[in-house]
C-alpha atoms as a PDB file:
ATOM      1  CA  MET A   1     -57.239  15.777 165.386  1.00  0.00           C
ATOM      2  CA  THR A   2     -53.174  16.245 166.075  1.00  0.00           C
ATOM      3  CA  ALA A   3     -51.439  13.700 168.740  1.00  0.00           C
ATOM      4  CA  VAL A   4     -49.335  15.230 170.878  1.00  0.00           C
ATOM      5  CA  LEU A   5     -46.198  13.431 172.319  1.00  0.00           C
ATOM      6  CA  THR A   6     -44.502  13.954 175.327  1.00  0.00           C
ATOM      7  CA  VAL A   7     -41.473  12.933 176.401  1.00  0.00           C
ATOM      8  CA  ARG A   8     -40.413  12.214 179.940  1.00  0.00           C
ATOM      9  CA  ASP A   9     -37.294  13.935 181.070  1.00  0.00           C
ATOM     10  CA  THR A  10     -34.242  12.767 182.441  1.00  0.00           C
ATOM     11  CA  PRO A  11     -34.605  12.188 185.988  1.00  0.00           C
ATOM     12  CA  SER A  12     -32.058  13.958 188.138  1.00  0.00           C
ATOM     13  CA  GLY A  13     -29.646  12.358 189.773  1.00  0.00           C
ATOM     14  CA  VAL A  14     -31.245  12.635 193.515  1.00  0.00           C
ATOM     15  CA  ARG A  15     -34.606  12.224 191.967  1.00  0.00           C
ATOM     16  CA  GLY A  16     -33.250   9.010 190.253  1.00  0.00           C
ATOM     17  CA  VAL A  17     -31.768   7.223 193.246  1.00  0.00           C
ATOM     18  CA  LEU A  18     -34.659   8.163 195.252  1.00  0.00           C
ATOM     19  CA  LEU A  19     -37.103   6.484 192.821  1.00  0.00           C
ATOM     20  CA  VAL A  20     -34.687   3.511 193.094  1.00  0.00           C
ATOM     21  CA  VAL A  21     -35.249   3.568 196.923  1.00  0.00           C
ATOM     22  CA  GLU A  22     -38.876   3.999 196.406  1.00  0.00           C
ATOM     23  CA  HIS A  23     -38.999   0.332 194.729  1.00  0.00           C
ATOM     24  CA  PHE A  24     -37.174  -1.664 197.476  1.00  0.00           C
ATOM     25  CA  TRP A  25     -39.193   0.604 200.105  1.00  0.00           C
ATOM     26  CA  THR A  26     -42.420  -0.618 198.197  1.00  0.00           C
ATOM     27  CA  TRP A  27     -41.226  -4.316 198.316  1.00  0.00           C
ATOM     28  CA  TYR A  28     -39.726  -4.334 201.880  1.00  0.00           C
ATOM     29  CA  ARG A  29     -42.730  -2.893 203.725  1.00  0.00           C
ATOM     30  CA  ARG A  30     -44.819  -5.979 202.351  1.00  0.00           C
ATOM     31  CA  ASN A  31     -42.030  -8.477 203.316  1.00  0.00           C
ATOM     32  CA  TRP A  32     -40.309  -6.756 206.167  1.00  0.00           C
ATOM     33  CA  PRO A  33     -40.767  -9.909 208.661  1.00  0.00           C
ATOM     34  CA  ALA A  34     -39.008 -12.301 207.011  1.00  0.00           C
ATOM     35  CA  THR A  35     -35.717 -10.071 207.325  1.00  0.00           C
ATOM     36  CA  VAL A  36     -36.009  -9.665 211.344  1.00  0.00           C
ATOM     37  CA  ILE A  37     -34.214 -12.904 212.031  1.00  0.00           C
ATOM     38  CA  SER A  38     -31.027 -12.052 210.088  1.00  0.00           C
ATOM     39  CA  SER A  39     -31.256  -8.303 210.921  1.00  0.00           C
ATOM     40  CA  VAL A  40     -32.221  -7.942 214.643  1.00  0.00           C
ATOM     41  CA  ALA A  41     -32.867 -11.128 216.406  1.00  0.00           C
ATOM     42  CA  GLN A  42     -29.460 -12.554 215.521  1.00  0.00           C
ATOM     43  CA  PRO A  43     -27.211  -9.593 216.800  1.00  0.00           C
ATOM     44  CA  LEU A  44     -29.675  -9.902 219.922  1.00  0.00           C
ATOM     45  CA  LEU A  45     -29.173 -13.323 220.306  1.00  0.00           C
ATOM     46  CA  MET A  46     -25.496 -13.604 219.884  1.00  0.00           C
ATOM     47  CA  LEU A  47     -25.329 -10.321 222.661  1.00  0.00           C
ATOM     48  CA  LEU A  48     -27.631 -12.015 224.961  1.00  0.00           C
ATOM     49  CA  ALA A  49     -24.693 -14.855 225.015  1.00  0.00           C
ATOM     50  CA  PHE A  50     -21.837 -13.238 224.752  1.00  0.00           C
ATOM     51  CA  GLY A  51     -22.730  -9.553 226.466  1.00  0.00           C
ATOM     52  CA  VAL A  52     -25.113 -10.718 229.038  1.00  0.00           C
ATOM     53  CA  GLY A  53     -24.009 -14.739 229.214  1.00  0.00           C
ATOM     54  CA  LEU A  54     -20.267 -14.874 229.057  1.00  0.00           C
ATOM     55  CA  GLY A  55     -20.108 -10.850 229.965  1.00  0.00           C
ATOM     56  CA  SER A  56     -20.954 -11.901 233.236  1.00  0.00           C
ATOM     57  CA  LEU A  57     -17.797 -14.003 234.062  1.00  0.00           C
ATOM     58  CA  VAL A  58     -15.654 -10.762 232.542  1.00  0.00           C
ATOM     59  CA  ARG A  59     -14.502  -7.909 234.913  1.00  0.00           C
ATOM     60  CA  PRO A  60     -14.191  -4.204 233.700  1.00  0.00           C
ATOM     61  CA  SER A  61     -10.851  -3.720 232.837  1.00  0.00           C
ATOM     62  CA  GLN A  62      -8.603  -1.900 230.669  1.00  0.00           C
ATOM     63  CA  ALA A  63      -9.193  -4.183 227.783  1.00  0.00           C
ATOM     64  CA  THR A  64     -12.687  -3.258 228.102  1.00  0.00           C
ATOM     65  CA  GLY A  65     -12.221  -0.156 228.272  1.00  0.00           C
ATOM     66  CA  ASN A  66     -12.816  -0.097 232.102  1.00  0.00           C
ATOM     67  CA  VAL A  67     -16.918  -0.830 231.332  1.00  0.00           C
ATOM     68  CA  ALA A  68     -19.268  -4.120 231.803  1.00  0.00           C
ATOM     69  CA  TYR A  69     -18.258  -6.671 228.963  1.00  0.00           C
ATOM     70  CA  LEU A  70     -21.948  -5.889 227.836  1.00  0.00           C
ATOM     71  CA  VAL A  71     -21.324  -2.435 227.100  1.00  0.00           C
ATOM     72  CA  TYR A  72     -18.319  -2.711 225.471  1.00  0.00           C
ATOM     73  CA  LEU A  73     -19.272  -5.597 223.032  1.00  0.00           C
ATOM     74  CA  ALA A  74     -22.825  -3.779 221.715  1.00  0.00           C
ATOM     75  CA  PRO A  75     -21.343  -1.268 219.872  1.00  0.00           C
ATOM     76  CA  GLY A  76     -19.073  -3.961 218.036  1.00  0.00           C
ATOM     77  CA  LEU A  77     -22.558  -6.307 217.411  1.00  0.00           C
ATOM     78  CA  LEU A  78     -24.109  -3.046 215.918  1.00  0.00           C
ATOM     79  CA  ALA A  79     -21.124  -2.795 213.521  1.00  0.00           C
ATOM     80  CA  MET A  80     -20.653  -6.332 212.924  1.00  0.00           C
ATOM     81  CA  ALA A  81     -24.687  -6.814 212.153  1.00  0.00           C
ATOM     82  CA  ALA A  82     -24.565  -3.702 209.998  1.00  0.00           C
ATOM     83  CA  VAL A  83     -21.608  -5.507 207.603  1.00  0.00           C
ATOM     84  CA  GLN A  84     -24.006  -8.764 207.573  1.00  0.00           C
ATOM     85  CA  ILE A  85     -26.776  -7.034 206.360  1.00  0.00           C
ATOM     86  CA  ALA A  86     -24.664  -5.440 204.234  1.00  0.00           C
ATOM     87  CA  ALA A  87     -23.110  -8.581 202.781  1.00  0.00           C
ATOM     88  CA  GLY A  88     -26.435 -10.157 202.520  1.00  0.00           C
ATOM     89  CA  GLU A  89     -28.056  -7.325 200.560  1.00  0.00           C
ATOM     90  CA  SER A  90     -25.326  -6.940 198.257  1.00  0.00           C
ATOM     91  CA  SER A  91     -25.257 -10.407 196.771  1.00  0.00           C
ATOM     92  CA  TYR A  92     -27.905 -12.316 195.947  1.00  0.00           C
ATOM     93  CA  PRO A  93     -30.464  -9.888 195.845  1.00  0.00           C
ATOM     94  CA  VAL A  94     -28.157  -7.667 193.273  1.00  0.00           C
ATOM     95  CA  LEU A  95     -27.648 -10.997 191.316  1.00  0.00           C
ATOM     96  CA  SER A  96     -31.113 -11.601 190.726  1.00  0.00           C
ATOM     97  CA  GLY A  97     -31.779  -7.797 189.494  1.00  0.00           C
ATOM     98  CA  PHE A  98     -29.822  -9.261 186.591  1.00  0.00           C
ATOM     99  CA  LYS A  99     -30.572 -12.187 186.180  1.00  0.00           C
ATOM    100  CA  TRP A 100     -33.660 -13.674 187.661  1.00  0.00           C
ATOM    101  CA  SER A 101     -36.183 -10.722 188.684  1.00  0.00           C
ATOM    102  CA  ARG A 102     -34.379  -8.654 185.795  1.00  0.00           C
ATOM    103  CA  ILE A 103     -35.447  -5.630 187.616  1.00  0.00           C
ATOM    104  CA  TYR A 104     -32.203  -3.605 186.779  1.00  0.00           C
ATOM    105  CA  HIS A 105     -33.132  -4.206 182.666  1.00  0.00           C
ATOM    106  CA  ALA A 106     -36.922  -2.755 183.261  1.00  0.00           C
ATOM    107  CA  MET A 107     -35.368  -0.148 185.236  1.00  0.00           C
ATOM    108  CA  THR A 108     -32.977   0.947 182.634  1.00  0.00           C
ATOM    109  CA  ALA A 109     -35.765   0.999 180.110  1.00  0.00           C
ATOM    110  CA  SER A 110     -36.727   4.181 181.765  1.00  0.00           C
ATOM    111  CA  PRO A 111     -34.653   7.151 181.671  1.00  0.00           C
ATOM    112  CA  LEU A 112     -32.805   6.002 185.026  1.00  0.00           C
ATOM    113  CA  THR A 113     -28.780   5.748 184.616  1.00  0.00           C
ATOM    114  CA  ALA A 114     -26.708   3.206 185.761  1.00  0.00           C
ATOM    115  CA  ALA A 115     -25.277   5.521 188.510  1.00  0.00           C
ATOM    116  CA  GLN A 116     -28.570   6.100 190.048  1.00  0.00           C
ATOM    117  CA  LEU A 117     -29.073   2.161 189.982  1.00  0.00           C
ATOM    118  CA  VAL A 118     -26.130   2.158 192.018  1.00  0.00           C
ATOM    119  CA  GLY A 119     -26.994   5.251 194.046  1.00  0.00           C
ATOM    120  CA  GLY A 120     -30.425   3.781 194.921  1.00  0.00           C
ATOM    121  CA  GLN A 121     -29.028  -0.004 195.520  1.00  0.00           C
ATOM    122  CA  LEU A 122     -26.638   1.406 198.090  1.00  0.00           C
ATOM    123  CA  THR A 123     -28.698   4.299 199.790  1.00  0.00           C
ATOM    124  CA  TRP A 124     -31.659   1.748 200.231  1.00  0.00           C
ATOM    125  CA  ILE A 125     -28.738  -0.846 201.963  1.00  0.00           C
ATOM    126  CA  GLY A 126     -27.984   2.069 204.064  1.00  0.00           C
ATOM    127  CA  LEU A 127     -31.513   2.438 205.234  1.00  0.00           C
ATOM    128  CA  ARG A 128     -31.575  -1.107 205.822  1.00  0.00           C
ATOM    129  CA  MET A 129     -28.863  -0.989 208.205  1.00  0.00           C
ATOM    130  CA  LEU A 130     -30.200   1.902 209.919  1.00  0.00           C
ATOM    131  CA  PHE A 131     -33.862   1.038 210.949  1.00  0.00           C
ATOM    132  CA  SER A 132     -31.948  -2.721 211.982  1.00  0.00           C
ATOM    133  CA  GLY A 133     -29.269  -0.602 214.233  1.00  0.00           C
ATOM    134  CA  ALA A 134     -32.160   1.293 215.707  1.00  0.00           C
ATOM    135  CA  ALA A 135     -34.384  -1.560 216.822  1.00  0.00           C
ATOM    136  CA  TYR A 136     -31.190  -3.448 218.027  1.00  0.00           C
ATOM    137  CA  LEU A 137     -30.220  -0.371 220.218  1.00  0.00           C
ATOM    138  CA  ALA A 138     -33.564  -0.213 221.312  1.00  0.00           C
ATOM    139  CA  VAL A 139     -33.684  -3.517 222.610  1.00  0.00           C
ATOM    140  CA  ILE A 140     -29.984  -3.830 224.025  1.00  0.00           C
ATOM    141  CA  ALA A 141     -31.224  -0.323 225.924  1.00  0.00           C
ATOM    142  CA  LEU A 142     -33.540  -2.664 227.652  1.00  0.00           C
ATOM    143  CA  PHE A 143     -30.422  -4.083 229.250  1.00  0.00           C
ATOM    144  CA  GLY A 144     -28.277  -1.373 230.179  1.00  0.00           C
ATOM    145  CA  GLY A 145     -25.944  -1.914 226.653  1.00  0.00           C
ATOM    146  CA  VAL A 146     -26.543   1.954 225.431  1.00  0.00           C
ATOM    147  CA  ARG A 147     -24.926   4.588 227.812  1.00  0.00           C
ATOM    148  CA  GLY A 148     -25.869   7.801 226.356  1.00  0.00           C
ATOM    149  CA  VAL A 149     -26.785   9.969 223.019  1.00  0.00           C
ATOM    150  CA  GLY A 150     -22.794   8.436 221.985  1.00  0.00           C
ATOM    151  CA  ALA A 151     -25.061   5.211 220.435  1.00  0.00           C
ATOM    152  CA  ALA A 152     -26.717   7.743 217.815  1.00  0.00           C
ATOM    153  CA  GLY A 153     -23.186   7.863 216.331  1.00  0.00           C
ATOM    154  CA  ALA A 154     -22.162   4.787 216.966  1.00  0.00           C
ATOM    155  CA  LEU A 155     -25.405   3.961 214.566  1.00  0.00           C
ATOM    156  CA  LEU A 156     -23.903   6.027 211.703  1.00  0.00           C
ATOM    157  CA  PHE A 157     -20.707   5.010 212.040  1.00  0.00           C
ATOM    158  CA  ALA A 158     -21.991   1.255 211.759  1.00  0.00           C
ATOM    159  CA  THR A 159     -24.016   2.375 208.747  1.00  0.00           C
ATOM    160  CA  LEU A 160     -21.143   3.593 207.265  1.00  0.00           C
ATOM    161  CA  CYS A 161     -18.753   0.806 207.774  1.00  0.00           C
ATOM    162  CA  GLY A 162     -21.350  -1.716 206.049  1.00  0.00           C
ATOM    163  CA  LEU A 163     -21.615   0.641 203.187  1.00  0.00           C
ATOM    164  CA  SER A 164     -18.205   0.342 202.688  1.00  0.00           C
ATOM    165  CA  VAL A 165     -18.746  -3.283 202.505  1.00  0.00           C
ATOM    166  CA  SER A 166     -21.667  -3.541 200.351  1.00  0.00           C
ATOM    167  CA  ALA A 167     -20.022  -1.216 197.657  1.00  0.00           C
ATOM    168  CA  PRO A 168     -17.145  -3.897 196.410  1.00  0.00           C
ATOM    169  CA  ILE A 169     -19.404  -6.497 197.208  1.00  0.00           C
ATOM    170  CA  VAL A 170     -22.342  -4.977 194.734  1.00  0.00           C
ATOM    171  CA  ALA A 171     -19.716  -4.561 191.827  1.00  0.00           C
ATOM    172  CA  TYR A 172     -18.838  -7.839 192.720  1.00  0.00           C
ATOM    173  CA  ALA A 173     -22.044  -9.148 192.148  1.00  0.00           C
ATOM    174  CA  ALA A 174     -22.959  -7.506 189.172  1.00  0.00           C
ATOM    175  CA  SER A 175     -20.310  -9.437 187.411  1.00  0.00           C
ATOM    176  CA  VAL A 176     -21.094 -12.611 188.329  1.00  0.00           C
ATOM    177  CA  GLN A 177     -22.593 -15.154 185.615  1.00  0.00           C
ATOM    178  CA  THR A 178     -22.819 -17.902 187.751  1.00  0.00           C
ATOM    179  CA  GLU A 179     -26.183 -18.877 189.558  1.00  0.00           C
ATOM    180  CA  GLY A 180     -24.110 -17.205 192.806  1.00  0.00           C
ATOM    181  CA  THR A 181     -22.513 -20.103 194.390  1.00  0.00           C
ATOM    182  CA  SER A 182     -19.111 -18.026 195.034  1.00  0.00           C
ATOM    183  CA  PHE A 183     -20.780 -15.690 197.706  1.00  0.00           C
ATOM    184  CA  SER A 184     -20.656 -18.737 200.049  1.00  0.00           C
ATOM    185  CA  ALA A 185     -17.266 -18.673 199.943  1.00  0.00           C
ATOM    186  CA  LEU A 186     -17.041 -14.869 199.979  1.00  0.00           C
ATOM    187  CA  PHE A 187     -19.473 -15.593 203.391  1.00  0.00           C
ATOM    188  CA  ARG A 188     -17.451 -17.936 204.773  1.00  0.00           C
ATOM    189  CA  PHE A 189     -13.974 -16.699 203.850  1.00  0.00           C
ATOM    190  CA  VAL A 190     -14.058 -13.090 204.091  1.00  0.00           C
ATOM    191  CA  ILE A 191     -17.129 -11.580 206.073  1.00  0.00           C
ATOM    192  CA  LEU A 192     -17.085 -14.619 209.036  1.00  0.00           C
ATOM    193  CA  PRO A 193     -13.348 -14.060 209.716  1.00  0.00           C
ATOM    194  CA  MET A 194     -13.725 -10.359 209.793  1.00  0.00           C
ATOM    195  CA  THR A 195     -16.491 -10.720 212.315  1.00  0.00           C
ATOM    196  CA  LEU A 196     -14.109 -12.914 214.685  1.00  0.00           C
ATOM    197  CA  PHE A 197     -10.966 -11.188 214.290  1.00  0.00           C
ATOM    198  CA  ALA A 198     -12.075  -7.278 213.728  1.00  0.00           C
ATOM    199  CA  GLY A 199     -12.169  -6.358 217.430  1.00  0.00           C
ATOM    200  CA  THR A 200     -15.919  -7.340 218.021  1.00  0.00           C
ATOM    201  CA  PHE A 201     -15.364  -9.651 220.625  1.00  0.00           C
ATOM    202  CA  PHE A 202     -11.975  -8.606 222.050  1.00  0.00           C
ATOM    203  CA  PRO A 203      -9.350  -5.905 221.606  1.00  0.00           C
ATOM    204  CA  VAL A 204      -7.174  -6.625 218.643  1.00  0.00           C
ATOM    205  CA  SER A 205      -3.950  -6.030 220.432  1.00  0.00           C
ATOM    206  CA  GLN A 206      -4.637  -9.622 221.569  1.00  0.00           C
ATOM    207  CA  LEU A 207      -4.127 -11.013 218.390  1.00  0.00           C
ATOM    208  CA  PRO A 208      -1.054 -12.689 217.938  1.00  0.00           C
ATOM    209  CA  VAL A 209       1.704  -9.936 216.500  1.00  0.00           C
ATOM    210  CA  TRP A 210       1.437 -11.030 212.740  1.00  0.00           C
ATOM    211  CA  VAL A 211      -2.413 -11.541 212.323  1.00  0.00           C
ATOM    212  CA  ARG A 212      -2.701  -7.579 213.484  1.00  0.00           C
ATOM    213  CA  PRO A 213      -2.668  -6.147 210.120  1.00  0.00           C
ATOM    214  CA  LEU A 214      -5.083  -8.348 208.492  1.00  0.00           C
ATOM    215  CA  ALA A 215      -7.597  -7.252 211.034  1.00  0.00           C
ATOM    216  CA  TRP A 216      -6.164  -3.508 210.493  1.00  0.00           C
ATOM    217  CA  ALA A 217      -7.349  -3.925 207.227  1.00  0.00           C
ATOM    218  CA  SER A 218     -10.382  -4.881 207.560  1.00  0.00           C
ATOM    219  CA  PRO A 219     -13.390  -2.309 207.264  1.00  0.00           C
ATOM    220  CA  LEU A 220     -15.251  -3.780 210.182  1.00  0.00           C
ATOM    221  CA  TRP A 221     -11.696  -2.877 212.563  1.00  0.00           C
ATOM    222  CA  HIS A 222     -12.226   0.815 211.415  1.00  0.00           C
ATOM    223  CA  GLY A 223     -16.576   0.109 212.230  1.00  0.00           C
ATOM    224  CA  THR A 224     -16.087  -1.235 215.187  1.00  0.00           C
ATOM    225  CA  GLU A 225     -12.972   1.498 216.520  1.00  0.00           C
ATOM    226  CA  LEU A 226     -15.226   4.378 215.321  1.00  0.00           C
ATOM    227  CA  ALA A 227     -19.130   3.180 216.957  1.00  0.00           C
ATOM    228  CA  ARG A 228     -17.180   1.899 220.350  1.00  0.00           C
ATOM    229  CA  GLY A 229     -15.233   5.157 220.832  1.00  0.00           C
ATOM    230  CA  ALA A 230     -18.700   6.680 219.764  1.00  0.00           C
ATOM    231  CA  ALA A 231     -20.666   4.934 222.131  1.00  0.00           C
ATOM    232  CA  LEU A 232     -18.106   4.921 225.199  1.00  0.00           C
ATOM    233  CA  GLY A 233     -17.199   8.572 224.431  1.00  0.00           C
ATOM    234  CA  THR A 234     -13.932   7.896 223.894  1.00  0.00           C
ATOM    235  CA  LEU A 235     -13.228   8.613 220.360  1.00  0.00           C
ATOM    236  CA  GLN A 236     -10.158  10.837 219.359  1.00  0.00           C
ATOM    237  CA  PRO A 237     -10.284  13.623 216.148  1.00  0.00           C
ATOM    238  CA  LEU A 238      -7.051  12.066 214.709  1.00  0.00           C
ATOM    239  CA  PRO A 239      -7.923   8.426 214.646  1.00  0.00           C
ATOM    240  CA  ALA A 240     -11.574   9.181 213.946  1.00  0.00           C
ATOM    241  CA  ILE A 241     -10.231  11.146 210.356  1.00  0.00           C
ATOM    242  CA  GLY A 242      -8.265   8.235 210.004  1.00  0.00           C
ATOM    243  CA  HIS A 243     -10.727   5.382 210.275  1.00  0.00           C
ATOM    244  CA  THR A 244     -13.526   7.784 208.468  1.00  0.00           C
ATOM    245  CA  GLY A 245     -11.430   8.198 205.727  1.00  0.00           C
ATOM    246  CA  TYR A 246     -10.624   4.411 205.270  1.00  0.00           C
ATOM    247  CA  LEU A 247     -14.312   3.760 204.708  1.00  0.00           C
ATOM    248  CA  LEU A 248     -15.182   6.628 203.162  1.00  0.00           C
ATOM    249  CA  ALA A 249     -12.382   5.649 200.361  1.00  0.00           C
ATOM    250  CA  MET A 250     -13.063   1.841 200.428  1.00  0.00           C
ATOM    251  CA  LEU A 251     -17.139   2.846 199.608  1.00  0.00           C
ATOM    252  CA  ALA A 252     -16.036   5.507 196.810  1.00  0.00           C
ATOM    253  CA  ALA A 253     -13.860   3.022 194.613  1.00  0.00           C
ATOM    254  CA  GLY A 254     -16.017   0.430 195.313  1.00  0.00           C
ATOM    255  CA  ALA A 255     -19.656   2.371 194.368  1.00  0.00           C
ATOM    256  CA  ALA A 256     -16.889   3.712 191.302  1.00  0.00           C
ATOM    257  CA  VAL A 257     -16.351  -0.024 190.153  1.00  0.00           C
ATOM    258  CA  ALA A 258     -19.974  -0.931 190.867  1.00  0.00           C
ATOM    259  CA  VAL A 259     -21.235   1.921 188.329  1.00  0.00           C
ATOM    260  CA  TRP A 260     -19.066   0.514 185.828  1.00  0.00           C
ATOM    261  CA  ARG A 261     -20.092  -3.169 185.891  1.00  0.00           C
ATOM    262  CA  PHE A 262     -23.902  -1.920 186.135  1.00  0.00           C
ATOM    263  CA  ARG A 263     -22.864  -0.020 183.394  1.00  0.00           C
ATOM    264  CA  VAL A 264     -21.163  -2.795 181.164  1.00  0.00           C
ATOM    265  CA  ARG A 265     -23.670  -5.457 182.170  1.00  0.00           C
ATOM    266  CA  LEU A 266     -26.972  -3.321 180.803  1.00  0.00           C
ATOM    267  CA  TYR A 267     -25.589  -1.597 178.106  1.00  0.00           C
ATOM    268  CA  VAL A 268     -22.530  -3.682 176.394  1.00  0.00           C
END
């Protein structure tokens, strides 16, 4: 009897990406409780502290778009939470895939390509932000922080903002050879200042003039402007195109570098 050997076809680009996403979903549906605190509870606690607590002392004004501070703050916190999730999911988990669990090496032992790994990783991070953001919006609606269907657009813009932060960090994580101690500096000196000075809690116009360009360069400022404009119904076409283009450019550049770093680390 003659044995017949069959060779698996290389999965198409989209199918390969979905296979990577399936791996992360298989893990997540068994371990999702471990992510609730950082993904949903933390931004909600900040919303209660600043939006409900401090917000009761802040009167609607031109600075808040003439709406209650809670309504003003909610989309900003949504974008901020997306950035924090992106930073967390794009750092140590990616390094682990190369250094500790080595799942990327196992995946590339199959016909999957480095581009499909990066695409699947970023797609999964985007889905994580969508899941967490939807839960956040559902709870915040109970406090009166959601004004209408514009919140759905705010969720999409917040996710895009998170992805624009995620892609460069994934590329950086793919280059880290140590135990990841440099991520602490990234969180402390990049992510944290970004959340404080990118218009989440107050308009950037309230900052000193010399600080404003740093805020404008932040992807979180662009994401916050888009999310807040969508939620409040004040988003104008031309600024929306500019903010979206900036975030898409960051995402594309970061993804391209990430694919290159994955190839170098997995195949060279």
